[in-house]
Amino acid sequence: MAHQFKSPLEAMNESQREWFAMAIISMILADGNVTQAETQSLLQSISFVKNPQVVESLKKYIAYQTVPNLSAFAGWDLQIKNRALMMLDLMRVAIADRDFSPKEREQFHHIGNVLGFPRRKVEELIALGDKAIEDMAQEA
């Protein structure tokens, strides 16, 4: 599950990186159970967060399997491409297990909303995710 993100992490300030890490956690926890191996991989994936107190807080969300409450993303109001890259990264996280559950879809809609995307655009991304899952099944 260790990811190479397309989102421009280097262009994010610390609070934006923390928000993105919480969004990643929320996508992974949205459909329920997370294994110990997934937890370790998840912690590696969010290693871009440098604040030790925030890292501990993120670990608690994982340990208690509690989906973080996401507020609106601050910044990049005119940089829709960067916000879209975050959505694509979150889609990759969601479908890594070759499933896109109803709860994950609901969480993806919520994240799209707090990132300022119209529902129609989020639905288009979900359709891309469904297509990617189909492609993965055919490759297997």
N, C-alpha and C. Protein backbone atom coordinates (compact mmCIF):
# COMPACT_ATOMS: atom_id res chain seq x y z
N MET A 1 0.80 -1.19 0.00
CA MET A 1 0.00 0.00 0.00
C MET A 1 0.85 1.26 0.00
N ALA A 2 2.14 1.16 0.12
CA ALA A 2 2.99 2.34 0.06
C ALA A 2 2.79 2.99 -1.31
N HIS A 3 2.48 4.25 -1.32
CA HIS A 3 2.09 4.93 -2.55
C HIS A 3 3.12 5.97 -2.97
N GLN A 4 3.23 6.09 -4.27
CA GLN A 4 3.92 7.22 -4.87
C GLN A 4 2.82 8.19 -5.26
N PHE A 5 2.72 9.27 -4.53
CA PHE A 5 1.63 10.20 -4.75
C PHE A 5 1.91 11.13 -5.92
N LYS A 6 0.85 11.45 -6.65
CA LYS A 6 0.92 12.43 -7.72
C LYS A 6 0.67 13.83 -7.17
N SER A 7 0.05 13.91 -6.01
CA SER A 7 -0.20 15.20 -5.38
C SER A 7 1.12 15.88 -5.09
N PRO A 8 1.19 17.19 -5.31
CA PRO A 8 2.45 17.91 -5.09
C PRO A 8 2.70 18.17 -3.60
N LEU A 9 3.16 17.15 -2.91
CA LEU A 9 3.40 17.26 -1.47
C LEU A 9 4.36 18.39 -1.14
N GLU A 10 5.36 18.60 -2.00
CA GLU A 10 6.35 19.64 -1.73
C GLU A 10 5.74 21.04 -1.80
N ALA A 11 4.61 21.17 -2.49
CA ALA A 11 3.94 22.46 -2.59
C ALA A 11 2.94 22.69 -1.46
N MET A 12 2.74 21.67 -0.62
CA MET A 12 1.78 21.78 0.48
C MET A 12 2.47 22.34 1.72
N ASN A 13 1.72 23.15 2.46
CA ASN A 13 2.23 23.55 3.77
C ASN A 13 1.91 22.41 4.74
N GLU A 14 2.40 22.52 5.96
CA GLU A 14 2.24 21.42 6.93
C GLU A 14 0.77 21.09 7.19
N SER A 15 -0.07 22.11 7.33
CA SER A 15 -1.48 21.82 7.62
C SER A 15 -2.16 21.15 6.43
N GLN A 16 -1.75 21.47 5.20
CA GLN A 16 -2.31 20.80 4.03
C GLN A 16 -1.84 19.34 3.97
N ARG A 17 -0.58 19.09 4.31
CA ARG A 17 -0.10 17.70 4.35
C ARG A 17 -0.85 16.90 5.42
N GLU A 18 -1.09 17.52 6.56
CA GLU A 18 -1.84 16.85 7.62
C GLU A 18 -3.26 16.54 7.15
N TRP A 19 -3.89 17.49 6.46
CA TRP A 19 -5.24 17.27 5.94
C TRP A 19 -5.22 16.10 4.97
N PHE A 20 -4.25 16.08 4.06
CA PHE A 20 -4.15 15.01 3.06
C PHE A 20 -3.95 13.66 3.75
N ALA A 21 -3.11 13.61 4.78
CA ALA A 21 -2.90 12.36 5.52
C ALA A 21 -4.21 11.89 6.16
N MET A 22 -4.97 12.83 6.72
CA MET A 22 -6.26 12.45 7.32
C MET A 22 -7.23 11.96 6.25
N ALA A 23 -7.18 12.56 5.06
CA ALA A 23 -8.04 12.11 3.97
C ALA A 23 -7.68 10.69 3.55
N ILE A 24 -6.39 10.40 3.49
CA ILE A 24 -5.93 9.04 3.15
C ILE A 24 -6.44 8.05 4.19
N ILE A 25 -6.27 8.39 5.45
CA ILE A 25 -6.73 7.51 6.53
C ILE A 25 -8.24 7.32 6.44
N SER A 26 -8.97 8.39 6.16
CA SER A 26 -10.42 8.28 6.08
C SER A 26 -10.85 7.36 4.94
N MET A 27 -10.12 7.37 3.83
CA MET A 27 -10.47 6.47 2.73
C MET A 27 -10.19 5.02 3.11
N ILE A 28 -9.09 4.78 3.78
CA ILE A 28 -8.73 3.41 4.14
C ILE A 28 -9.66 2.85 5.21
N LEU A 29 -10.04 3.69 6.15
CA LEU A 29 -10.91 3.23 7.24
C LEU A 29 -12.39 3.21 6.87
N ALA A 30 -12.75 3.82 5.76
CA ALA A 30 -14.16 3.99 5.40
C ALA A 30 -14.91 2.67 5.33
N ASP A 31 -14.26 1.63 4.83
CA ASP A 31 -15.01 0.38 4.66
C ASP A 31 -14.79 -0.63 5.77
N GLY A 32 -14.13 -0.22 6.83
CA GLY A 32 -14.04 -1.13 7.97
C GLY A 32 -12.65 -1.56 8.33
N ASN A 33 -12.46 -2.84 8.41
CA ASN A 33 -11.29 -3.46 9.00
C ASN A 33 -9.99 -3.18 8.25
N VAL A 34 -8.94 -2.88 9.02
CA VAL A 34 -7.60 -2.66 8.49
C VAL A 34 -6.67 -3.63 9.20
N THR A 35 -5.91 -4.40 8.43
CA THR A 35 -4.99 -5.38 9.02
C THR A 35 -3.74 -4.71 9.56
N GLN A 36 -2.97 -5.46 10.36
CA GLN A 36 -1.71 -4.94 10.90
C GLN A 36 -0.74 -4.57 9.77
N ALA A 37 -0.67 -5.41 8.73
CA ALA A 37 0.21 -5.12 7.60
C ALA A 37 -0.22 -3.85 6.88
N GLU A 38 -1.54 -3.67 6.71
CA GLU A 38 -2.04 -2.46 6.08
C GLU A 38 -1.72 -1.24 6.94
N THR A 39 -1.80 -1.41 8.26
CA THR A 39 -1.50 -0.31 9.17
C THR A 39 -0.05 0.14 9.01
N GLN A 40 0.88 -0.80 8.95
CA GLN A 40 2.29 -0.45 8.78
C GLN A 40 2.52 0.26 7.45
N SER A 41 1.91 -0.24 6.40
CA SER A 41 2.04 0.37 5.08
C SER A 41 1.42 1.76 5.08
N LEU A 42 0.29 1.90 5.75
CA LEU A 42 -0.38 3.19 5.84
C LEU A 42 0.52 4.21 6.54
N LEU A 43 1.13 3.80 7.63
CA LEU A 43 2.01 4.72 8.36
C LEU A 43 3.19 5.14 7.50
N GLN A 44 3.70 4.24 6.68
CA GLN A 44 4.78 4.61 5.75
C GLN A 44 4.26 5.60 4.71
N SER A 45 3.04 5.38 4.24
CA SER A 45 2.46 6.23 3.21
C SER A 45 2.28 7.67 3.68
N ILE A 46 2.04 7.85 4.96
CA ILE A 46 1.80 9.22 5.47
C ILE A 46 3.03 9.79 6.17
N SER A 47 4.18 9.23 5.87
CA SER A 47 5.42 9.69 6.51
C SER A 47 5.79 11.11 6.12
N PHE A 48 5.07 11.71 5.18
CA PHE A 48 5.32 13.09 4.79
C PHE A 48 4.86 14.08 5.86
N VAL A 49 4.11 13.60 6.87
CA VAL A 49 3.71 14.46 7.99
C VAL A 49 4.85 14.46 9.00
N LYS A 50 5.35 15.63 9.34
CA LYS A 50 6.55 15.74 10.17
C LYS A 50 6.27 16.05 11.64
N ASN A 51 5.12 16.62 11.95
CA ASN A 51 4.81 17.01 13.32
C ASN A 51 4.53 15.76 14.17
N PRO A 52 5.36 15.48 15.19
CA PRO A 52 5.19 14.25 15.99
C PRO A 52 3.83 14.14 16.68
N GLN A 53 3.28 15.27 17.15
CA GLN A 53 1.96 15.23 17.79
C GLN A 53 0.87 14.84 16.79
N VAL A 54 0.98 15.35 15.59
CA VAL A 54 0.00 15.02 14.55
C VAL A 54 0.14 13.55 14.17
N VAL A 55 1.36 13.07 14.05
CA VAL A 55 1.59 11.66 13.72
C VAL A 55 0.94 10.77 14.77
N GLU A 56 1.10 11.11 16.05
CA GLU A 56 0.47 10.33 17.13
C GLU A 56 -1.05 10.37 17.01
N SER A 57 -1.59 11.53 16.69
CA SER A 57 -3.03 11.66 16.51
C SER A 57 -3.51 10.80 15.34
N LEU A 58 -2.77 10.80 14.25
CA LEU A 58 -3.12 9.98 13.09
C LEU A 58 -3.07 8.49 13.44
N LYS A 59 -2.08 8.11 14.23
CA LYS A 59 -1.96 6.71 14.65
C LYS A 59 -3.18 6.28 15.48
N LYS A 60 -3.72 7.21 16.27
CA LYS A 60 -4.90 6.89 17.09
C LYS A 60 -6.12 6.63 16.21
N TYR A 61 -6.27 7.42 15.15
CA TYR A 61 -7.39 7.16 14.22
C TYR A 61 -7.29 5.73 13.70
N ILE A 62 -6.08 5.32 13.35
CA ILE A 62 -5.87 3.98 12.80
C ILE A 62 -6.11 2.92 13.88
N ALA A 63 -5.51 3.13 15.05
CA ALA A 63 -5.62 2.14 16.13
C ALA A 63 -7.07 1.91 16.54
N TYR A 64 -7.84 3.00 16.62
CA TYR A 64 -9.24 2.88 17.04
C TYR A 64 -10.19 2.74 15.85
N GLN A 65 -9.61 2.69 14.65
CA GLN A 65 -10.37 2.58 13.41
C GLN A 65 -11.53 3.57 13.38
N THR A 66 -11.18 4.82 13.63
CA THR A 66 -12.13 5.92 13.63
C THR A 66 -11.84 6.81 12.43
N VAL A 67 -12.83 7.00 11.60
CA VAL A 67 -12.66 7.85 10.42
C VAL A 67 -12.55 9.31 10.86
N PRO A 68 -11.46 9.99 10.48
CA PRO A 68 -11.30 11.40 10.86
C PRO A 68 -12.41 12.27 10.26
N ASN A 69 -12.74 13.32 10.97
CA ASN A 69 -13.68 14.32 10.48
C ASN A 69 -12.89 15.32 9.66
N LEU A 70 -13.20 15.44 8.39
CA LEU A 70 -12.46 16.36 7.52
C LEU A 70 -13.21 17.67 7.37
N SER A 71 -12.48 18.75 7.58
CA SER A 71 -13.04 20.07 7.31
C SER A 71 -12.67 20.45 5.87
N ALA A 72 -13.11 21.60 5.44
CA ALA A 72 -12.77 22.05 4.09
C ALA A 72 -11.26 22.20 3.96
N PHE A 73 -10.73 21.85 2.80
CA PHE A 73 -9.31 21.99 2.53
C PHE A 73 -9.01 23.46 2.33
N ALA A 74 -7.98 23.97 3.01
CA ALA A 74 -7.62 25.38 2.94
C ALA A 74 -6.48 25.58 1.94
N GLY A 75 -6.71 26.44 0.98
CA GLY A 75 -5.68 26.77 0.01
C GLY A 75 -5.96 26.17 -1.36
N TRP A 76 -5.15 26.57 -2.29
CA TRP A 76 -5.22 26.08 -3.68
C TRP A 76 -6.56 26.37 -4.33
N ASP A 77 -7.20 27.44 -3.93
CA ASP A 77 -8.51 27.77 -4.49
C ASP A 77 -8.46 27.90 -6.01
N LEU A 78 -7.36 28.41 -6.54
CA LEU A 78 -7.24 28.59 -7.98
C LEU A 78 -6.40 27.48 -8.62
N GLN A 79 -6.02 26.50 -7.83
CA GLN A 79 -5.19 25.40 -8.34
C GLN A 79 -5.98 24.10 -8.31
N ILE A 80 -7.02 24.06 -9.14
CA ILE A 80 -7.92 22.91 -9.16
C ILE A 80 -7.17 21.63 -9.57
N LYS A 81 -6.12 21.79 -10.37
CA LYS A 81 -5.36 20.60 -10.79
C LYS A 81 -4.75 19.91 -9.57
N ASN A 82 -4.20 20.67 -8.63
CA ASN A 82 -3.61 20.08 -7.43
C ASN A 82 -4.67 19.37 -6.59
N ARG A 83 -5.83 19.97 -6.50
CA ARG A 83 -6.93 19.33 -5.76
C ARG A 83 -7.36 18.04 -6.48
N ALA A 84 -7.40 18.09 -7.80
CA ALA A 84 -7.77 16.91 -8.59
C ALA A 84 -6.73 15.80 -8.41
N LEU A 85 -5.46 16.15 -8.33
CA LEU A 85 -4.43 15.14 -8.11
C LEU A 85 -4.62 14.46 -6.76
N MET A 86 -5.04 15.23 -5.76
CA MET A 86 -5.33 14.60 -4.46
C MET A 86 -6.48 13.61 -4.59
N MET A 87 -7.51 13.98 -5.33
CA MET A 87 -8.64 13.07 -5.52
C MET A 87 -8.19 11.80 -6.24
N LEU A 88 -7.34 11.93 -7.23
CA LEU A 88 -6.85 10.75 -7.94
C LEU A 88 -6.02 9.86 -7.02
N ASP A 89 -5.19 10.48 -6.19
CA ASP A 89 -4.41 9.70 -5.22
C ASP A 89 -5.34 8.97 -4.25
N LEU A 90 -6.36 9.65 -3.80
CA LEU A 90 -7.31 9.02 -2.86
C LEU A 90 -8.09 7.90 -3.54
N MET A 91 -8.36 8.06 -4.82
CA MET A 91 -9.02 6.98 -5.56
C MET A 91 -8.09 5.76 -5.61
N ARG A 92 -6.81 5.97 -5.88
CA ARG A 92 -5.86 4.86 -5.94
C ARG A 92 -5.79 4.15 -4.59
N VAL A 93 -5.84 4.91 -3.51
CA VAL A 93 -5.84 4.32 -2.18
C VAL A 93 -7.10 3.46 -2.00
N ALA A 94 -8.23 4.01 -2.39
CA ALA A 94 -9.52 3.33 -2.19
C ALA A 94 -9.60 2.02 -2.96
N ILE A 95 -9.08 1.98 -4.17
CA ILE A 95 -9.25 0.79 -5.01
C ILE A 95 -8.05 -0.14 -4.97
N ALA A 96 -7.08 0.14 -4.12
CA ALA A 96 -5.88 -0.71 -4.05
C ALA A 96 -6.25 -2.16 -3.74
N ASP A 97 -7.34 -2.37 -3.01
CA ASP A 97 -7.78 -3.73 -2.68
C ASP A 97 -8.75 -4.29 -3.72
N ARG A 98 -8.85 -3.62 -4.86
CA ARG A 98 -9.70 -4.03 -5.98
C ARG A 98 -11.18 -4.04 -5.62
N ASP A 99 -11.54 -3.14 -4.73
CA ASP A 99 -12.93 -3.01 -4.32
C ASP A 99 -13.18 -1.53 -4.05
N PHE A 100 -14.39 -1.09 -4.32
CA PHE A 100 -14.78 0.29 -4.03
C PHE A 100 -16.16 0.22 -3.39
N SER A 101 -16.15 -0.01 -2.09
CA SER A 101 -17.38 -0.28 -1.35
C SER A 101 -18.28 0.95 -1.29
N PRO A 102 -19.56 0.73 -0.98
CA PRO A 102 -20.48 1.87 -0.83
C PRO A 102 -19.98 2.89 0.21
N LYS A 103 -19.40 2.42 1.32
CA LYS A 103 -18.91 3.35 2.34
C LYS A 103 -17.71 4.15 1.82
N GLU A 104 -16.86 3.50 1.02
CA GLU A 104 -15.74 4.22 0.42
C GLU A 104 -16.25 5.27 -0.57
N ARG A 105 -17.26 4.91 -1.34
CA ARG A 105 -17.84 5.86 -2.29
C ARG A 105 -18.44 7.06 -1.56
N GLU A 106 -19.11 6.78 -0.45
CA GLU A 106 -19.70 7.86 0.35
C GLU A 106 -18.59 8.78 0.89
N GLN A 107 -17.51 8.19 1.39
CA GLN A 107 -16.40 8.99 1.90
C GLN A 107 -15.74 9.78 0.78
N PHE A 108 -15.61 9.17 -0.40
CA PHE A 108 -15.01 9.84 -1.55
C PHE A 108 -15.86 11.05 -1.94
N HIS A 109 -17.19 10.91 -1.90
CA HIS A 109 -18.08 12.04 -2.17
C HIS A 109 -17.86 13.15 -1.15
N HIS A 110 -17.75 12.77 0.11
CA HIS A 110 -17.53 13.76 1.16
C HIS A 110 -16.23 14.53 0.91
N ILE A 111 -15.16 13.79 0.61
CA ILE A 111 -13.87 14.44 0.37
C ILE A 111 -13.95 15.34 -0.86
N GLY A 112 -14.60 14.86 -1.91
CA GLY A 112 -14.77 15.69 -3.09
C GLY A 112 -15.50 16.99 -2.76
N ASN A 113 -16.50 16.88 -1.90
CA ASN A 113 -17.26 18.05 -1.49
C ASN A 113 -16.38 19.04 -0.72
N VAL A 114 -15.60 18.56 0.24
CA VAL A 114 -14.78 19.49 1.03
C VAL A 114 -13.60 20.03 0.22
N LEU A 115 -13.29 19.37 -0.89
CA LEU A 115 -12.28 19.92 -1.80
C LEU A 115 -12.90 20.85 -2.84
N GLY A 116 -14.22 20.96 -2.82
CA GLY A 116 -14.90 21.91 -3.70
C GLY A 116 -15.28 21.38 -5.07
N PHE A 117 -15.35 20.06 -5.22
CA PHE A 117 -15.73 19.49 -6.51
C PHE A 117 -17.25 19.29 -6.58
N PRO A 118 -17.84 19.59 -7.73
CA PRO A 118 -19.27 19.30 -7.89
C PRO A 118 -19.50 17.79 -7.88
N ARG A 119 -20.65 17.38 -7.43
CA ARG A 119 -21.00 15.95 -7.34
C ARG A 119 -20.78 15.24 -8.68
N ARG A 120 -21.10 15.91 -9.77
CA ARG A 120 -20.95 15.33 -11.11
C ARG A 120 -19.50 14.96 -11.38
N LYS A 121 -18.56 15.81 -10.98
CA LYS A 121 -17.13 15.52 -11.19
C LYS A 121 -16.68 14.35 -10.33
N VAL A 122 -17.18 14.29 -9.11
CA VAL A 122 -16.84 13.17 -8.22
C VAL A 122 -17.38 11.87 -8.82
N GLU A 123 -18.57 11.91 -9.37
CA GLU A 123 -19.15 10.72 -10.01
C GLU A 123 -18.29 10.28 -11.20
N GLU A 124 -17.75 11.24 -11.95
CA GLU A 124 -16.87 10.90 -13.07
C GLU A 124 -15.61 10.19 -12.57
N LEU A 125 -15.07 10.66 -11.46
CA LEU A 125 -13.89 10.01 -10.88
C LEU A 125 -14.23 8.60 -10.39
N ILE A 126 -15.40 8.45 -9.80
CA ILE A 126 -15.82 7.13 -9.33
C ILE A 126 -15.94 6.17 -10.52
N ALA A 127 -16.47 6.66 -11.63
CA ALA A 127 -16.56 5.82 -12.83
C ALA A 127 -15.17 5.41 -13.30
N LEU A 128 -14.20 6.31 -13.22
CA LEU A 128 -12.82 5.96 -13.57
C LEU A 128 -12.28 4.88 -12.63
N GLY A 129 -12.61 5.00 -11.35
CA GLY A 129 -12.19 3.99 -10.38
C GLY A 129 -12.79 2.63 -10.68
N ASP A 130 -14.07 2.62 -11.03
CA ASP A 130 -14.74 1.37 -11.39
C ASP A 130 -14.07 0.74 -12.62
N LYS A 131 -13.73 1.57 -13.59
CA LYS A 131 -13.05 1.08 -14.80
C LYS A 131 -11.68 0.52 -14.45
N ALA A 132 -10.96 1.19 -13.56
CA ALA A 132 -9.63 0.71 -13.15
C ALA A 132 -9.74 -0.65 -12.46
N ILE A 133 -10.77 -0.85 -11.64
CA ILE A 133 -10.98 -2.14 -10.98
C ILE A 133 -11.25 -3.22 -12.02
N GLU A 134 -12.08 -2.89 -13.02
CA GLU A 134 -12.34 -3.85 -14.11
C GLU A 134 -11.04 -4.23 -14.82
N ASP A 135 -10.24 -3.22 -15.12
CA ASP A 135 -8.96 -3.47 -15.79
C ASP A 135 -8.04 -4.34 -14.97
N MET A 136 -8.01 -4.13 -13.65
CA MET A 136 -7.18 -4.94 -12.77
C MET A 136 -7.65 -6.40 -12.79
N ALA A 137 -8.96 -6.60 -12.82
CA ALA A 137 -9.52 -7.95 -12.84
C ALA A 137 -9.15 -8.67 -14.13
N GLN A 138 -9.14 -7.94 -15.23
CA GLN A 138 -8.79 -8.55 -16.52
C GLN A 138 -7.31 -8.87 -16.61
N GLU A 139 -6.48 -8.08 -15.92
CA GLU A 139 -5.04 -8.31 -15.94
C GLU A 139 -4.65 -9.51 -15.08
N ALA A 140 -5.51 -9.84 -14.10
CA ALA A 140 -5.19 -10.93 -13.16
C ALA A 140 -5.34 -12.30 -13.80
